Protein backbone atom coordinates (compact mmCIF):
# COMPACT_ATOMS: atom_id res chain seq x y z
CA MET A 1 -110.57 99.83 179.79
CA ALA A 2 -108.57 98.78 176.77
CA THR A 3 -104.83 98.36 177.10
CA ARG A 4 -102.87 100.24 174.53
CA VAL A 5 -100.67 98.17 172.27
CA SER A 6 -97.06 98.92 173.01
CA LEU A 7 -93.81 97.01 172.91
CA ALA A 8 -94.00 96.58 176.68
CA ASN A 9 -97.49 95.03 176.49
CA ILE A 10 -96.45 92.72 173.64
CA ALA A 11 -93.40 91.67 175.66
CA ARG A 12 -95.53 91.09 178.77
CA VAL A 13 -97.84 88.73 176.90
CA SER A 14 -94.89 87.09 175.15
CA VAL A 15 -93.08 86.37 178.41
CA GLY A 16 -96.27 84.87 179.81
CA ILE A 17 -96.65 82.58 176.81
CA VAL A 18 -92.98 81.52 176.86
CA ALA A 19 -93.14 80.85 180.60
CA ILE A 20 -96.34 78.82 180.35
CA VAL A 21 -95.03 76.69 177.49
CA TRP A 22 -91.79 76.00 179.33
CA ALA A 23 -93.64 75.23 182.56
CA LEU A 24 -96.11 72.89 180.83
CA LEU A 25 -93.26 70.95 179.25
CA GLY A 26 -91.57 70.57 182.63
CA LEU A 27 -94.85 69.73 184.33
CA ALA A 28 -95.59 67.01 181.79
CA ASP A 29 -92.10 65.56 182.24
CA ALA A 30 -92.37 65.60 186.04
CA LEU A 31 -95.85 64.04 186.03
CA ALA A 32 -94.82 61.35 183.56
CA ALA A 33 -91.74 60.47 185.61
CA GLY A 34 -93.75 60.53 188.83
CA LEU A 35 -96.50 58.31 187.46
CA GLY A 36 -93.98 55.97 185.89
CA ARG A 37 -91.76 55.30 188.88
CA GLY A 38 -93.58 56.91 191.79
CA PHE A 39 -93.47 60.40 193.17
CA ASP A 40 -90.26 60.99 195.07
CA PRO A 41 -89.41 64.37 196.62
CA SER A 42 -87.62 65.60 193.49
CA GLU A 43 -90.70 64.97 191.35
CA ILE A 44 -92.95 66.71 193.86
CA VAL A 45 -90.63 69.74 193.86
CA ALA A 46 -90.59 69.74 190.04
CA VAL A 47 -94.39 69.76 189.91
CA ALA A 48 -94.52 72.56 192.50
CA VAL A 49 -92.00 74.87 190.81
CA ASN A 50 -93.59 74.39 187.39
CA ALA A 51 -97.01 75.16 188.86
CA LEU A 52 -95.43 78.25 190.45
CA LEU A 53 -94.15 79.35 187.04
CA ILE A 54 -97.63 78.93 185.55
CA ALA A 55 -99.06 81.05 188.37
CA ALA A 56 -96.42 83.73 187.74
CA ALA A 57 -97.30 83.74 184.04
CA VAL A 58 -100.96 84.24 184.92
CA LEU A 59 -99.89 87.24 187.00
CA ALA A 60 -98.15 88.62 183.91
CA PHE A 61 -101.32 88.21 181.86
CA ALA A 62 -103.32 89.93 184.59
CA ARG A 63 -100.78 92.78 184.85
CA ALA A 64 -100.39 92.30 188.58
CA ARG A 65 -98.14 94.85 190.23
CA PHE A 66 -95.38 92.36 191.15
CA TRP A 67 -95.47 90.06 188.11
CA HIS A 68 -91.87 90.88 187.10
CA ALA A 69 -90.40 89.62 190.34
CA ALA A 70 -92.76 86.63 190.46
CA ILE A 71 -91.91 85.43 186.97
CA ILE A 72 -88.15 85.92 187.40
CA LEU A 73 -88.09 84.14 190.78
CA ALA A 74 -90.27 81.29 189.49
CA THR A 75 -88.08 80.92 186.39
CA LEU A 76 -84.99 80.86 188.56
CA ALA A 77 -86.57 78.15 190.74
CA VAL A 78 -87.45 76.03 187.68
CA THR A 79 -83.94 76.48 186.26
CA VAL A 80 -82.28 75.44 189.52
CA ASP A 81 -84.62 72.45 189.83
CA ARG A 82 -83.88 71.25 186.32
CA ILE A 83 -80.11 71.71 186.65
CA VAL A 84 -80.04 69.95 190.03
CA GLY A 85 -82.18 67.17 188.58
CA VAL A 86 -79.64 66.35 185.87
CA LEU A 87 -76.37 66.97 187.72
CA GLY A 88 -74.43 63.77 187.50
CA THR A 89 -76.24 62.48 184.42
CA GLY A 90 -74.13 64.55 182.06
CA ASP A 91 -77.19 65.85 180.25
CA TRP A 92 -75.69 69.16 179.15
CA TRP A 93 -78.56 69.94 176.77
CA VAL A 94 -81.03 70.25 179.63
CA MET A 95 -78.63 72.52 181.50
CA LEU A 96 -77.99 74.69 178.46
CA SER A 97 -81.66 74.91 177.50
CA SER A 98 -82.60 75.79 181.08
CA ALA A 99 -80.03 78.58 181.17
CA ALA A 100 -81.19 79.79 177.74
CA MET A 101 -84.82 79.89 178.85
CA LEU A 102 -83.86 81.77 182.00
CA CYS A 103 -82.02 84.36 179.90
CA ALA A 104 -84.92 84.60 177.44
CA ILE A 105 -87.56 85.11 180.11
CA VAL A 106 -85.46 87.65 182.02
CA GLY A 107 -84.66 89.48 178.78
CA ILE A 108 -88.23 89.65 177.56
CA SER A 109 -89.35 90.66 181.05
CA ALA A 110 -86.83 93.52 180.98
CA VAL A 111 -88.37 94.78 177.74
CA ALA A 112 -91.84 94.50 179.27
CA ARG A 113 -90.78 96.54 182.28
CA ASN A 114 -90.30 99.70 180.23
CA PRO A 115 -93.75 101.14 179.43
């Protein structure tokens, strides 16, 4: 059955695309760092949370019943992982961009929640 085109459906697909792009960037960074200097626990966690975000985005594409909660929790996990990973380095741009992506994904997801 065809899905009608509405703002909520456009937002659902948009949040999935944004989440996948952000997760793939983080996954590439974690894999490159892990292959370059060896996989320590922080790199393994980074790979896991980015894979979790990709899985949550797939749930959004599939219109699973609980995709809102999955994508928000996975985005929160990725944000916390990235902020914890750069604490002490003074890399404020990563912290700011992580917070901005969290706000963007939660905001778009809120639009997608209203059918």
